[in-house]
Amino acid sequence: MYDIMPSTYSISEAQAKFPALVKEAAEKTVTITRRNTVVGYLISPERMEGILETLEILSNPEAMRAIEAGENGRTTYLSLEALDEADEG
């Protein structure tokens, strides 16, 4: 499971520990700061892929309409068996 609480390092600390931070980023977000201001994040590829997939869904009007319809109870859900029968018929 991905820990959402970030570890925070200054740029100079991050430079000195970069290989270890790459490993740490597999488990949690690593925040990089400069003069106590966040300037970057180091995250795992899986986390980044999830973020990109979410952004893709959010930018798709058809997907957002389908999500809204589901949230408002305007969607009919079918069992997997019903879907299989529809494919066969």
N, C-alpha and C. Protein backbone atom coordinates (compact mmCIF):
# COMPACT_ATOMS: atom_id res chain seq x y z
N MET A 1 0.83 -1.18 0.00
CA MET A 1 0.00 0.00 0.00
C MET A 1 0.88 1.25 0.00
N TYR A 2 0.42 2.28 -0.65
CA TYR A 2 1.17 3.52 -0.80
C TYR A 2 0.87 4.43 0.38
N ASP A 3 1.89 4.88 1.08
CA ASP A 3 1.75 5.77 2.21
C ASP A 3 1.58 7.19 1.68
N ILE A 4 0.49 7.86 2.05
CA ILE A 4 0.23 9.19 1.51
C ILE A 4 0.93 10.30 2.28
N MET A 5 1.50 9.99 3.42
CA MET A 5 2.22 11.00 4.18
C MET A 5 3.63 11.16 3.58
N PRO A 6 3.92 12.34 3.05
CA PRO A 6 5.21 12.51 2.38
C PRO A 6 6.38 12.64 3.35
N SER A 7 7.54 12.26 2.87
CA SER A 7 8.80 12.57 3.53
C SER A 7 9.32 13.82 2.86
N THR A 8 9.89 14.71 3.62
CA THR A 8 10.34 15.99 3.06
C THR A 8 11.85 16.14 3.21
N TYR A 9 12.48 16.57 2.12
CA TYR A 9 13.92 16.78 2.08
C TYR A 9 14.22 18.09 1.36
N SER A 10 15.27 18.76 1.79
CA SER A 10 15.74 19.93 1.05
C SER A 10 16.40 19.43 -0.24
N ILE A 11 16.61 20.33 -1.16
CA ILE A 11 17.26 19.94 -2.42
C ILE A 11 18.63 19.34 -2.15
N SER A 12 19.41 19.95 -1.27
CA SER A 12 20.75 19.43 -1.01
C SER A 12 20.69 18.05 -0.35
N GLU A 13 19.73 17.82 0.55
CA GLU A 13 19.57 16.49 1.15
C GLU A 13 19.16 15.48 0.08
N ALA A 14 18.23 15.89 -0.79
CA ALA A 14 17.75 14.99 -1.84
C ALA A 14 18.87 14.62 -2.80
N GLN A 15 19.73 15.57 -3.15
CA GLN A 15 20.84 15.28 -4.03
C GLN A 15 21.79 14.26 -3.40
N ALA A 16 22.03 14.42 -2.12
CA ALA A 16 22.96 13.52 -1.44
C ALA A 16 22.40 12.11 -1.26
N LYS A 17 21.06 12.02 -1.18
CA LYS A 17 20.42 10.73 -0.90
C LYS A 17 19.60 10.21 -2.07
N PHE A 18 19.81 10.71 -3.26
CA PHE A 18 18.90 10.42 -4.37
C PHE A 18 18.60 8.94 -4.59
N PRO A 19 19.59 8.04 -4.65
CA PRO A 19 19.25 6.62 -4.85
C PRO A 19 18.31 6.08 -3.77
N ALA A 20 18.54 6.47 -2.52
CA ALA A 20 17.68 6.01 -1.43
C ALA A 20 16.28 6.61 -1.55
N LEU A 21 16.19 7.86 -2.02
CA LEU A 21 14.89 8.49 -2.18
C LEU A 21 14.07 7.85 -3.28
N VAL A 22 14.72 7.39 -4.31
CA VAL A 22 14.02 6.67 -5.38
C VAL A 22 13.37 5.41 -4.80
N LYS A 23 14.10 4.69 -3.96
CA LYS A 23 13.53 3.51 -3.29
C LYS A 23 12.40 3.91 -2.35
N GLU A 24 12.58 4.98 -1.61
CA GLU A 24 11.55 5.45 -0.68
C GLU A 24 10.27 5.85 -1.42
N ALA A 25 10.43 6.43 -2.60
CA ALA A 25 9.27 6.87 -3.38
C ALA A 25 8.38 5.71 -3.81
N ALA A 26 8.90 4.51 -3.80
CA ALA A 26 8.06 3.34 -4.11
C ALA A 26 7.01 3.12 -3.03
N GLU A 27 7.26 3.63 -1.83
CA GLU A 27 6.36 3.43 -0.70
C GLU A 27 5.59 4.68 -0.31
N LYS A 28 6.15 5.85 -0.55
CA LYS A 28 5.50 7.09 -0.15
C LYS A 28 5.99 8.24 -1.02
N THR A 29 5.23 9.30 -1.04
CA THR A 29 5.62 10.50 -1.77
C THR A 29 6.80 11.16 -1.06
N VAL A 30 7.78 11.57 -1.86
CA VAL A 30 8.93 12.30 -1.34
C VAL A 30 8.79 13.75 -1.81
N THR A 31 8.78 14.67 -0.87
CA THR A 31 8.65 16.09 -1.18
C THR A 31 10.02 16.74 -1.13
N ILE A 32 10.31 17.56 -2.14
CA ILE A 32 11.59 18.27 -2.22
C ILE A 32 11.31 19.76 -2.00
N THR A 33 12.08 20.37 -1.10
CA THR A 33 11.87 21.79 -0.80
C THR A 33 13.13 22.61 -1.06
N ARG A 34 12.92 23.89 -1.26
CA ARG A 34 14.00 24.88 -1.35
C ARG A 34 13.58 26.03 -0.43
N ARG A 35 14.34 26.28 0.59
CA ARG A 35 14.03 27.34 1.57
C ARG A 35 12.61 27.16 2.12
N ASN A 36 12.28 25.93 2.49
CA ASN A 36 10.98 25.56 3.08
C ASN A 36 9.79 25.75 2.15
N THR A 37 10.03 25.87 0.86
CA THR A 37 8.96 25.95 -0.14
C THR A 37 9.03 24.70 -1.02
N VAL A 38 7.91 24.04 -1.20
CA VAL A 38 7.89 22.82 -2.02
C VAL A 38 8.21 23.18 -3.47
N VAL A 39 9.19 22.46 -4.02
CA VAL A 39 9.58 22.70 -5.42
C VAL A 39 9.44 21.44 -6.27
N GLY A 40 9.13 20.30 -5.64
CA GLY A 40 8.96 19.09 -6.44
C GLY A 40 8.58 17.89 -5.60
N TYR A 41 8.18 16.85 -6.31
CA TYR A 41 7.79 15.59 -5.69
C TYR A 41 8.46 14.44 -6.43
N LEU A 42 8.75 13.39 -5.71
CA LEU A 42 9.24 12.15 -6.30
C LEU A 42 8.22 11.09 -5.93
N ILE A 43 7.62 10.47 -6.96
CA ILE A 43 6.58 9.46 -6.73
C ILE A 43 6.87 8.22 -7.56
N SER A 44 6.24 7.12 -7.19
CA SER A 44 6.45 5.86 -7.91
C SER A 44 5.79 5.90 -9.28
N PRO A 45 6.25 5.05 -10.20
CA PRO A 45 5.62 4.98 -11.52
C PRO A 45 4.14 4.59 -11.41
N GLU A 46 3.82 3.69 -10.49
CA GLU A 46 2.43 3.25 -10.34
C GLU A 46 1.54 4.41 -9.90
N ARG A 47 2.04 5.22 -8.96
CA ARG A 47 1.29 6.38 -8.49
C ARG A 47 1.09 7.37 -9.63
N MET A 48 2.14 7.60 -10.42
CA MET A 48 2.05 8.54 -11.55
C MET A 48 1.06 8.04 -12.59
N GLU A 49 1.09 6.74 -12.87
CA GLU A 49 0.15 6.17 -13.83
C GLU A 49 -1.28 6.35 -13.35
N GLY A 50 -1.51 6.18 -12.05
CA GLY A 50 -2.84 6.40 -11.48
C GLY A 50 -3.29 7.84 -11.63
N ILE A 51 -2.37 8.77 -11.38
CA ILE A 51 -2.69 10.18 -11.54
C ILE A 51 -3.04 10.49 -12.99
N LEU A 52 -2.24 9.99 -13.92
CA LEU A 52 -2.50 10.24 -15.35
C LEU A 52 -3.83 9.64 -15.79
N GLU A 53 -4.13 8.43 -15.31
CA GLU A 53 -5.40 7.80 -15.65
C GLU A 53 -6.57 8.62 -15.11
N THR A 54 -6.45 9.10 -13.89
CA THR A 54 -7.50 9.93 -13.31
C THR A 54 -7.69 11.21 -14.12
N LEU A 55 -6.60 11.85 -14.49
CA LEU A 55 -6.69 13.06 -15.31
C LEU A 55 -7.35 12.79 -16.65
N GLU A 56 -7.03 11.64 -17.24
CA GLU A 56 -7.63 11.26 -18.52
C GLU A 56 -9.15 11.10 -18.38
N ILE A 57 -9.58 10.44 -17.32
CA ILE A 57 -11.01 10.25 -17.08
C ILE A 57 -11.69 11.60 -16.85
N LEU A 58 -11.07 12.44 -16.02
CA LEU A 58 -11.65 13.74 -15.71
C LEU A 58 -11.74 14.65 -16.93
N SER A 59 -10.87 14.44 -17.91
CA SER A 59 -10.89 15.28 -19.11
C SER A 59 -11.80 14.72 -20.20
N ASN A 60 -12.42 13.58 -19.96
CA ASN A 60 -13.29 12.93 -20.94
C ASN A 60 -14.75 13.24 -20.58
N PRO A 61 -15.41 14.13 -21.36
CA PRO A 61 -16.79 14.51 -21.03
C PRO A 61 -17.75 13.31 -20.98
N GLU A 62 -17.58 12.35 -21.87
CA GLU A 62 -18.46 11.18 -21.88
C GLU A 62 -18.29 10.35 -20.61
N ALA A 63 -17.06 10.17 -20.19
CA ALA A 63 -16.80 9.42 -18.96
C ALA A 63 -17.37 10.16 -17.75
N MET A 64 -17.23 11.47 -17.74
CA MET A 64 -17.76 12.25 -16.61
C MET A 64 -19.28 12.21 -16.57
N ARG A 65 -19.93 12.21 -17.74
CA ARG A 65 -21.40 12.08 -17.77
C ARG A 65 -21.82 10.72 -17.24
N ALA A 66 -21.08 9.67 -17.60
CA ALA A 66 -21.39 8.32 -17.12
C ALA A 66 -21.20 8.23 -15.61
N ILE A 67 -20.15 8.83 -15.09
CA ILE A 67 -19.93 8.84 -13.64
C ILE A 67 -21.05 9.59 -12.93
N GLU A 68 -21.41 10.74 -13.46
CA GLU A 68 -22.50 11.53 -12.87
C GLU A 68 -23.82 10.76 -12.90
N ALA A 69 -24.09 10.10 -14.02
CA ALA A 69 -25.31 9.30 -14.11
C ALA A 69 -25.32 8.19 -13.06
N GLY A 70 -24.20 7.55 -12.86
CA GLY A 70 -24.10 6.50 -11.85
C GLY A 70 -24.30 7.04 -10.45
N GLU A 71 -23.72 8.20 -10.17
CA GLU A 71 -23.87 8.81 -8.85
C GLU A 71 -25.30 9.25 -8.59
N ASN A 72 -26.02 9.62 -9.64
CA ASN A 72 -27.40 10.10 -9.49
C ASN A 72 -28.43 8.97 -9.64
N GLY A 73 -27.96 7.73 -9.74
CA GLY A 73 -28.87 6.61 -9.83
C GLY A 73 -29.55 6.46 -11.18
N ARG A 74 -28.99 7.02 -12.22
CA ARG A 74 -29.59 6.96 -13.55
C ARG A 74 -28.89 5.93 -14.44
N THR A 75 -28.27 4.95 -13.82
CA THR A 75 -27.54 3.94 -14.56
C THR A 75 -28.10 2.57 -14.25
N THR A 76 -28.22 1.76 -15.28
CA THR A 76 -28.65 0.37 -15.09
C THR A 76 -27.41 -0.50 -15.04
N TYR A 77 -27.31 -1.27 -13.98
CA TYR A 77 -26.18 -2.17 -13.83
C TYR A 77 -26.62 -3.58 -14.20
N LEU A 78 -25.78 -4.27 -14.94
CA LEU A 78 -26.06 -5.64 -15.36
C LEU A 78 -25.03 -6.57 -14.73
N SER A 79 -25.46 -7.79 -14.46
CA SER A 79 -24.52 -8.78 -13.96
C SER A 79 -23.61 -9.22 -15.10
N LEU A 80 -22.49 -9.83 -14.77
CA LEU A 80 -21.60 -10.33 -15.82
C LEU A 80 -22.29 -11.40 -16.65
N GLU A 81 -23.13 -12.19 -16.01
CA GLU A 81 -23.87 -13.23 -16.75
C GLU A 81 -24.78 -12.59 -17.80
N ALA A 82 -25.44 -11.51 -17.44
CA ALA A 82 -26.33 -10.83 -18.38
C ALA A 82 -25.54 -10.26 -19.55
N LEU A 83 -24.34 -9.77 -19.29
CA LEU A 83 -23.50 -9.25 -20.36
C LEU A 83 -23.07 -10.38 -21.29
N ASP A 84 -22.71 -11.53 -20.69
CA ASP A 84 -22.33 -12.70 -21.51
C ASP A 84 -23.48 -13.14 -22.39
N GLU A 85 -24.70 -13.16 -21.83
CA GLU A 85 -25.89 -13.56 -22.60
C GLU A 85 -26.15 -12.58 -23.73
N ALA A 86 -25.96 -11.31 -23.49
CA ALA A 86 -26.17 -10.31 -24.54
C ALA A 86 -25.18 -10.49 -25.67
N ASP A 87 -23.94 -10.86 -25.34
CA ASP A 87 -22.93 -11.11 -26.37
C ASP A 87 -23.28 -12.34 -27.21
N GLU A 88 -23.84 -13.36 -26.56
CA GLU A 88 -24.18 -14.61 -27.25
C GLU A 88 -25.43 -14.46 -28.10
N GLY A 89 -26.32 -13.60 -27.69
CA GLY A 89 -27.62 -13.47 -28.35
C GLY A 89 -27.59 -12.54 -29.46
